[in-house]
C-alpha cells in the first residue's frame, strides 16, 4: 500500500513455516455434577468446556488433552463392557487389545458370552433389569478403570440398563466411553505407554 513490496522489505516467505506439532481438542463434561442426566453423547451440546493438548507425537497430544479434560487414563485394572448388538462384532478386537495389555474384563451377559466365544476371558455380571446390583456395585467399588457402554440405535433396546450404568459411572468419576472410535483412540494411547505382556490361559 505504501509502494514498497514485501520482497523489498526482506520478506520472502508468504507464510511462516508450520510447527511440527499435533493439536488435539477434547470436550470436558460435568455429568458427575448433573444428577439424573444420561451421560450418553448425542448431537445436542452437552460439553461444559474443552481442553487442548499438543505435542510432537499425536498419541502424546491426545493423552495430554484427555487428561486435561478430566479423564482418568490408567494402563491397568478392569474394563467393564456392555455394548449394543450392532456394536458387538466391532468391539471384539478392541476388547482383545485391552486383554492383551493385562486388563481384566467384566461384561453384561450377552456381551460377555460373545467375548468368551472369541477367546477373551470374561467375568459375566447380571444386569440391573435382571434383579441384580452386581454392575452398579462393581463401579461403586472403585476397581473399574473404564466403562465401555454403547446404546442400541437400531434395535432401541436395553436403554434402562445402559442409562443406569452410565449414571453410576458418571457419579463415581469412572472413565466412561460411549463411542468405539474413542475406545480405539484410547487404546492407541495406552499401547504407546504400556509394556506388552503375554496372557497365560489356564
Foldseek 3Di string as FASTA:
>chain_A
DPPADVVNVVDDDPDDDDDQKDKDKDFAAQLLVVAPDQPADDPDDGGPGMFMAMDNDPLRRVVVRCVVSQADQDLEFEEEEEEDPVCLVVCQVLVVLSVQSPHAYEYADVSQVSNVVVVRDYHYDHFVVVVDCVLLVVLQVPRHQEYEYEADPPVRPPVVRRSVNRSSCSNSVHHYHHDVVVSVSSSVSSVVVGDGDGDDDD
